Amino acid sequence: MGVHDTVRNHPEWPTLAELVRELAFLDGGNETAFTLASGKQSRWFFDTKPVMMHPRAATIIGSLLNLRIQAMGGQLVGGLELGAVPLTAIVVTSPDADPALRGFMVRKSPKGRGGRKTNNPPGIEGTSLEGGGDVVIVEDVTTTGGSSILAVERIHRDTDCKVIGVISILDREEGAEKAFAEAGVPFESLLTRSDIAGL
């Protein structure tokens, strides 16, 4: 889907785009300047950790993600460590959050035990997912979609929850949209690489 119109037309969206460009974006000038976590090489690099730790940017991210999560009907929000952990906290503590919205995280490698109090399966921590519910997976930067698809698969395999969508702060536009379409999971982002690289 790309960036939903309600996000792109939000009065704070241009400010978020500027903050991401200022705090997270590097243009290496040639196609092999950076090696990404996926192993792919790219001219562009995005480190959204400084964006998530910036008060103004985090406030806008929280508002925009909650706008879309509520439109989707999400009851639970979370994703794969590490990027989704601060992002989930931003979402659930935002003044714009539905008071009933709850967060969780998925470990890349389960520690061998589940939540002692929550009865979550090993590697899924935070809010109890025992009763099921509609989940929105969040991610900071999406390249191929592999990390979030891993989280989607774990949620579907190990819980009674249903993933109804994935939202990323930034889509690098390198295959994630197609991968999520093939997995049957709606995907959108707050920004795309073109939005930032074109500024």
C-alpha atoms as a PDB file:
ATOM      1  CA  MET A   1       0.000   0.000   0.000  1.00  0.00           C
ATOM      2  CA  GLY A   2       2.830   2.435   0.685  1.00  0.00           C
ATOM      3  CA  VAL A   3       1.949   5.473   2.803  1.00  0.00           C
ATOM      4  CA  HIS A   4      -1.762   5.746   3.589  1.00  0.00           C
ATOM      5  CA  ASP A   5      -3.363   9.049   2.566  1.00  0.00           C
ATOM      6  CA  THR A   6      -4.419   9.815   6.146  1.00  0.00           C
ATOM      7  CA  VAL A   7      -0.738   9.632   7.137  1.00  0.00           C
ATOM      8  CA  ARG A   8       0.695  11.537   4.166  1.00  0.00           C
ATOM      9  CA  ASN A   9      -1.913  14.296   4.566  1.00  0.00           C
ATOM     10  CA  HIS A  10      -1.441  14.598   8.338  1.00  0.00           C
ATOM     11  CA  PRO A  11      -0.139  18.078   9.278  1.00  0.00           C
ATOM     12  CA  GLU A  12       2.816  16.561  11.191  1.00  0.00           C
ATOM     13  CA  TRP A  13       3.957  14.238   8.380  1.00  0.00           C
ATOM     14  CA  PRO A  14       6.326  16.767   6.740  1.00  0.00           C
ATOM     15  CA  THR A  15       7.974  17.398  10.111  1.00  0.00           C
ATOM     16  CA  LEU A  16       8.534  13.663  10.604  1.00  0.00           C
ATOM     17  CA  ALA A  17      10.022  13.382   7.107  1.00  0.00           C
ATOM     18  CA  GLU A  18      12.449  16.221   7.866  1.00  0.00           C
ATOM     19  CA  LEU A  19      13.431  14.691  11.222  1.00  0.00           C
ATOM     20  CA  VAL A  20      14.066  11.282   9.629  1.00  0.00           C
ATOM     21  CA  ARG A  21      16.195  12.911   6.947  1.00  0.00           C
ATOM     22  CA  GLU A  22      18.144  14.887   9.550  1.00  0.00           C
ATOM     23  CA  LEU A  23      18.572  12.149  12.177  1.00  0.00           C
ATOM     24  CA  ALA A  24      18.521   8.839  10.304  1.00  0.00           C
ATOM     25  CA  PHE A  25      19.505   9.175   6.646  1.00  0.00           C
ATOM     26  CA  LEU A  26      22.892   8.755   4.989  1.00  0.00           C
ATOM     27  CA  ASP A  27      23.482   8.891   1.237  1.00  0.00           C
ATOM     28  CA  GLY A  28      26.742   7.127   0.416  1.00  0.00           C
ATOM     29  CA  GLY A  29      26.796   8.337  -3.175  1.00  0.00           C
ATOM     30  CA  ASN A  30      27.217   4.960  -4.859  1.00  0.00           C
ATOM     31  CA  GLU A  31      25.222   1.737  -5.042  1.00  0.00           C
ATOM     32  CA  THR A  32      27.523  -0.268  -2.728  1.00  0.00           C
ATOM     33  CA  ALA A  33      28.222   2.288  -0.030  1.00  0.00           C
ATOM     34  CA  PHE A  34      26.516   0.372   2.797  1.00  0.00           C
ATOM     35  CA  THR A  35      25.980  -3.294   3.647  1.00  0.00           C
ATOM     36  CA  LEU A  36      22.566  -3.723   5.265  1.00  0.00           C
ATOM     37  CA  ALA A  37      21.499  -6.210   7.937  1.00  0.00           C
ATOM     38  CA  SER A  38      19.844  -8.216   5.140  1.00  0.00           C
ATOM     39  CA  GLY A  39      23.249  -8.557   3.470  1.00  0.00           C
ATOM     40  CA  LYS A  40      22.166  -6.383   0.542  1.00  0.00           C
ATOM     41  CA  GLN A  41      24.282  -3.433  -0.480  1.00  0.00           C
ATOM     42  CA  SER A  42      22.787  -0.009  -0.900  1.00  0.00           C
ATOM     43  CA  ARG A  43      23.577   3.607  -1.586  1.00  0.00           C
ATOM     44  CA  TRP A  44      21.237   4.634   1.245  1.00  0.00           C
ATOM     45  CA  PHE A  45      21.342   3.897   4.969  1.00  0.00           C
ATOM     46  CA  PHE A  46      18.664   4.604   7.578  1.00  0.00           C
ATOM     47  CA  ASP A  47      19.250   4.373  11.332  1.00  0.00           C
ATOM     48  CA  THR A  48      15.912   5.149  12.927  1.00  0.00           C
ATOM     49  CA  LYS A  49      17.062   4.593  16.523  1.00  0.00           C
ATOM     50  CA  PRO A  50      17.910   8.328  16.933  1.00  0.00           C
ATOM     51  CA  VAL A  51      14.477   9.140  15.484  1.00  0.00           C
ATOM     52  CA  MET A  52      12.668   6.920  17.993  1.00  0.00           C
ATOM     53  CA  MET A  53      14.683   8.476  20.831  1.00  0.00           C
ATOM     54  CA  HIS A  54      13.913  12.057  19.723  1.00  0.00           C
ATOM     55  CA  PRO A  55      10.950  13.506  21.701  1.00  0.00           C
ATOM     56  CA  ARG A  56       9.310  15.376  18.820  1.00  0.00           C
ATOM     57  CA  ALA A  57       9.783  12.583  16.303  1.00  0.00           C
ATOM     58  CA  ALA A  58       8.584   9.926  18.762  1.00  0.00           C
ATOM     59  CA  THR A  59       5.447  11.942  19.501  1.00  0.00           C
ATOM     60  CA  ILE A  60       4.606  12.192  15.804  1.00  0.00           C
ATOM     61  CA  ILE A  61       5.363   8.503  15.214  1.00  0.00           C
ATOM     62  CA  GLY A  62       3.087   7.570  18.124  1.00  0.00           C
ATOM     63  CA  SER A  63       0.245   9.675  16.729  1.00  0.00           C
ATOM     64  CA  LEU A  64       0.566   8.380  13.165  1.00  0.00           C
ATOM     65  CA  LEU A  65       0.905   4.723  14.142  1.00  0.00           C
ATOM     66  CA  ASN A  66      -2.087   4.950  16.463  1.00  0.00           C
ATOM     67  CA  LEU A  67      -4.099   6.590  13.683  1.00  0.00           C
ATOM     68  CA  ARG A  68      -3.497   3.583  11.450  1.00  0.00           C
ATOM     69  CA  ILE A  69      -3.699   0.891  14.168  1.00  0.00           C
ATOM     70  CA  GLN A  70      -7.118   2.180  15.220  1.00  0.00           C
ATOM     71  CA  ALA A  71      -8.275   2.289  11.590  1.00  0.00           C
ATOM     72  CA  MET A  72      -7.195  -1.352  11.196  1.00  0.00           C
ATOM     73  CA  GLY A  73      -8.894  -2.403  14.437  1.00  0.00           C
ATOM     74  CA  GLY A  74      -5.697  -3.542  16.149  1.00  0.00           C
ATOM     75  CA  GLN A  75      -5.959  -4.690  19.765  1.00  0.00           C
ATOM     76  CA  LEU A  76      -2.310  -5.679  20.222  1.00  0.00           C
ATOM     77  CA  VAL A  77       0.894  -4.180  18.856  1.00  0.00           C
ATOM     78  CA  GLY A  78       4.447  -5.491  18.815  1.00  0.00           C
ATOM     79  CA  GLY A  79       7.187  -6.973  16.738  1.00  0.00           C
ATOM     80  CA  LEU A  80      10.633  -8.462  16.514  1.00  0.00           C
ATOM     81  CA  GLU A  81      13.423  -7.172  18.731  1.00  0.00           C
ATOM     82  CA  LEU A  82      15.263  -4.774  18.609  1.00  0.00           C
ATOM     83  CA  GLY A  83      13.603  -2.064  16.543  1.00  0.00           C
ATOM     84  CA  ALA A  84      10.034  -2.952  17.488  1.00  0.00           C
ATOM     85  CA  VAL A  85      10.703  -2.738  21.235  1.00  0.00           C
ATOM     86  CA  PRO A  86      11.047   1.059  21.557  1.00  0.00           C
ATOM     87  CA  LEU A  87       8.505   1.494  18.776  1.00  0.00           C
ATOM     88  CA  THR A  88       5.895  -0.537  20.659  1.00  0.00           C
ATOM     89  CA  ALA A  89       6.541   1.516  23.805  1.00  0.00           C
ATOM     90  CA  ILE A  90       6.078   4.733  21.787  1.00  0.00           C
ATOM     91  CA  VAL A  91       2.741   3.444  20.460  1.00  0.00           C
ATOM     92  CA  VAL A  92       1.189   2.225  23.709  1.00  0.00           C
ATOM     93  CA  THR A  93       2.266   5.278  25.742  1.00  0.00           C
ATOM     94  CA  SER A  94       1.139   7.817  23.148  1.00  0.00           C
ATOM     95  CA  PRO A  95      -1.691  10.138  24.253  1.00  0.00           C
ATOM     96  CA  ASP A  96      -3.422   9.066  21.023  1.00  0.00           C
ATOM     97  CA  ALA A  97      -3.416   5.356  21.935  1.00  0.00           C
ATOM     98  CA  ASP A  98      -6.611   3.479  22.608  1.00  0.00           C
ATOM     99  CA  PRO A  99      -6.493   2.794  26.384  1.00  0.00           C
ATOM    100  CA  ALA A 100      -7.179  -0.887  25.661  1.00  0.00           C
ATOM    101  CA  LEU A 101      -4.197  -1.278  23.281  1.00  0.00           C
ATOM    102  CA  ARG A 102      -1.462  -3.541  24.662  1.00  0.00           C
ATOM    103  CA  GLY A 103       2.081  -4.279  23.533  1.00  0.00           C
ATOM    104  CA  PHE A 104       4.417  -7.260  23.280  1.00  0.00           C
ATOM    105  CA  MET A 105       7.768  -8.217  21.770  1.00  0.00           C
ATOM    106  CA  VAL A 106       9.042 -11.235  19.889  1.00  0.00           C
ATOM    107  CA  ARG A 107      12.609 -12.362  20.583  1.00  0.00           C
ATOM    108  CA  LYS A 108      14.707 -13.409  17.608  1.00  0.00           C
ATOM    109  CA  SER A 109      15.756 -16.488  19.584  1.00  0.00           C
ATOM    110  CA  PRO A 110      13.461 -17.780  22.330  1.00  0.00           C
ATOM    111  CA  LYS A 111      15.142 -18.149  25.708  1.00  0.00           C
ATOM    112  CA  GLY A 112      13.498 -21.517  26.305  1.00  0.00           C
ATOM    113  CA  ARG A 113      10.754 -20.313  28.588  1.00  0.00           C
ATOM    114  CA  GLY A 114       7.506 -18.470  28.108  1.00  0.00           C
ATOM    115  CA  GLY A 115       6.024 -15.716  30.166  1.00  0.00           C
ATOM    116  CA  ARG A 116       5.728 -17.048  33.687  1.00  0.00           C
ATOM    117  CA  LYS A 117       2.792 -14.810  34.480  1.00  0.00           C
ATOM    118  CA  THR A 118       1.408 -14.227  30.979  1.00  0.00           C
ATOM    119  CA  ASN A 119       1.478 -17.851  29.736  1.00  0.00           C
ATOM    120  CA  ASN A 120       2.983 -16.617  26.484  1.00  0.00           C
ATOM    121  CA  PRO A 121       5.010 -19.128  24.486  1.00  0.00           C
ATOM    122  CA  PRO A 122       8.816 -18.954  24.686  1.00  0.00           C
ATOM    123  CA  GLY A 123      10.206 -15.839  23.051  1.00  0.00           C
ATOM    124  CA  ILE A 124       7.011 -13.772  23.180  1.00  0.00           C
ATOM    125  CA  GLU A 125       7.047 -11.321  26.072  1.00  0.00           C
ATOM    126  CA  GLY A 126       4.992  -8.453  27.412  1.00  0.00           C
ATOM    127  CA  THR A 127       1.206  -8.519  27.373  1.00  0.00           C
ATOM    128  CA  SER A 128      -0.437 -11.921  27.505  1.00  0.00           C
ATOM    129  CA  LEU A 129      -1.539 -13.129  24.083  1.00  0.00           C
ATOM    130  CA  GLU A 130      -3.331 -16.114  25.604  1.00  0.00           C
ATOM    131  CA  GLY A 131      -6.805 -14.856  24.748  1.00  0.00           C
ATOM    132  CA  GLY A 132      -5.977 -14.103  21.107  1.00  0.00           C
ATOM    133  CA  GLY A 133      -6.753 -10.840  19.352  1.00  0.00           C
ATOM    134  CA  ASP A 134      -5.998  -8.769  16.283  1.00  0.00           C
ATOM    135  CA  VAL A 135      -2.313  -7.827  16.044  1.00  0.00           C
ATOM    136  CA  VAL A 136      -0.495  -5.069  14.195  1.00  0.00           C
ATOM    137  CA  ILE A 137       3.231  -5.722  13.804  1.00  0.00           C
ATOM    138  CA  VAL A 138       5.464  -2.640  13.845  1.00  0.00           C
ATOM    139  CA  GLU A 139       8.992  -2.260  12.496  1.00  0.00           C
ATOM    140  CA  ASP A 140      11.436   0.631  12.289  1.00  0.00           C
ATOM    141  CA  VAL A 141      12.968   0.098   8.825  1.00  0.00           C
ATOM    142  CA  THR A 142      11.776  -2.470   6.282  1.00  0.00           C
ATOM    143  CA  THR A 143      13.960  -3.722   3.442  1.00  0.00           C
ATOM    144  CA  THR A 144      12.769  -7.157   2.312  1.00  0.00           C
ATOM    145  CA  GLY A 145      10.188  -7.693   5.061  1.00  0.00           C
ATOM    146  CA  GLY A 146      11.945 -10.792   6.380  1.00  0.00           C
ATOM    147  CA  SER A 147      12.097  -9.737  10.043  1.00  0.00           C
ATOM    148  CA  SER A 148       8.441  -8.841  10.273  1.00  0.00           C
ATOM    149  CA  ILE A 149       7.367 -11.933   8.341  1.00  0.00           C
ATOM    150  CA  LEU A 150       9.284 -13.977  10.930  1.00  0.00           C
ATOM    151  CA  ALA A 151       7.302 -12.236  13.684  1.00  0.00           C
ATOM    152  CA  VAL A 152       4.033 -12.825  11.794  1.00  0.00           C
ATOM    153  CA  GLU A 153       4.820 -16.532  11.423  1.00  0.00           C
ATOM    154  CA  ARG A 154       5.659 -16.887  15.118  1.00  0.00           C
ATOM    155  CA  ILE A 155       2.450 -15.151  16.184  1.00  0.00           C
ATOM    156  CA  HIS A 156       0.325 -17.311  13.894  1.00  0.00           C
ATOM    157  CA  ARG A 157       2.104 -20.535  14.843  1.00  0.00           C
ATOM    158  CA  ASP A 158       2.387 -20.052  18.611  1.00  0.00           C
ATOM    159  CA  THR A 159      -0.700 -18.012  19.581  1.00  0.00           C
ATOM    160  CA  ASP A 160      -4.401 -17.667  18.783  1.00  0.00           C
ATOM    161  CA  CYS A 161      -3.817 -14.122  17.548  1.00  0.00           C
ATOM    162  CA  LYS A 162      -4.284 -12.934  13.979  1.00  0.00           C
ATOM    163  CA  VAL A 163      -1.892 -10.442  12.382  1.00  0.00           C
ATOM    164  CA  ILE A 164      -4.051  -7.920  10.533  1.00  0.00           C
ATOM    165  CA  GLY A 165      -1.274  -5.646   9.310  1.00  0.00           C
ATOM    166  CA  VAL A 166       2.356  -4.559   9.425  1.00  0.00           C
ATOM    167  CA  ILE A 167       3.401  -0.905   9.668  1.00  0.00           C
ATOM    168  CA  SER A 168       6.970   0.337   9.333  1.00  0.00           C
ATOM    169  CA  ILE A 169       8.350   3.785  10.027  1.00  0.00           C
ATOM    170  CA  LEU A 170      10.226   3.590   6.725  1.00  0.00           C
ATOM    171  CA  ASP A 171       9.972   1.291   3.718  1.00  0.00           C
ATOM    172  CA  ARG A 172      13.247   1.158   1.768  1.00  0.00           C
ATOM    173  CA  GLU A 173      11.202   0.060  -1.289  1.00  0.00           C
ATOM    174  CA  GLU A 174      13.319  -3.020  -1.903  1.00  0.00           C
ATOM    175  CA  GLY A 175      10.760  -5.812  -2.061  1.00  0.00           C
ATOM    176  CA  ALA A 176       8.865  -5.730   1.242  1.00  0.00           C
ATOM    177  CA  GLU A 177       5.531  -4.759  -0.283  1.00  0.00           C
ATOM    178  CA  LYS A 178       5.645  -7.760  -2.631  1.00  0.00           C
ATOM    179  CA  ALA A 179       6.782 -10.127   0.139  1.00  0.00           C
ATOM    180  CA  PHE A 180       3.924  -9.097   2.423  1.00  0.00           C
ATOM    181  CA  ALA A 181       1.414  -9.366  -0.421  1.00  0.00           C
ATOM    182  CA  GLU A 182       2.622 -12.918  -1.056  1.00  0.00           C
ATOM    183  CA  ALA A 183       2.279 -13.662   2.675  1.00  0.00           C
ATOM    184  CA  GLY A 184      -1.271 -12.272   2.642  1.00  0.00           C
ATOM    185  CA  VAL A 185      -0.527  -9.542   5.195  1.00  0.00           C
ATOM    186  CA  PRO A 186      -1.374  -5.876   4.538  1.00  0.00           C
ATOM    187  CA  PHE A 187       1.729  -3.681   4.727  1.00  0.00           C
ATOM    188  CA  GLU A 188       2.175   0.064   4.890  1.00  0.00           C
ATOM    189  CA  SER A 189       4.706   2.582   6.129  1.00  0.00           C
ATOM    190  CA  LEU A 190       4.788   6.112   7.478  1.00  0.00           C
ATOM    191  CA  LEU A 191       7.497   7.069   4.986  1.00  0.00           C
ATOM    192  CA  THR A 192       9.311   5.600   1.997  1.00  0.00           C
ATOM    193  CA  ARG A 193      12.907   5.888   0.895  1.00  0.00           C
ATOM    194  CA  SER A 194      11.732   8.039  -2.019  1.00  0.00           C
ATOM    195  CA  ASP A 195      10.122  10.483   0.402  1.00  0.00           C
ATOM    196  CA  ILE A 196      13.455  11.014   2.171  1.00  0.00           C
ATOM    197  CA  ALA A 197      16.016  10.599  -0.611  1.00  0.00           C
ATOM    198  CA  GLY A 198      13.992  12.974  -2.759  1.00  0.00           C
ATOM    199  CA  LEU A 199      13.940  15.830  -0.216  1.00  0.00           C
END
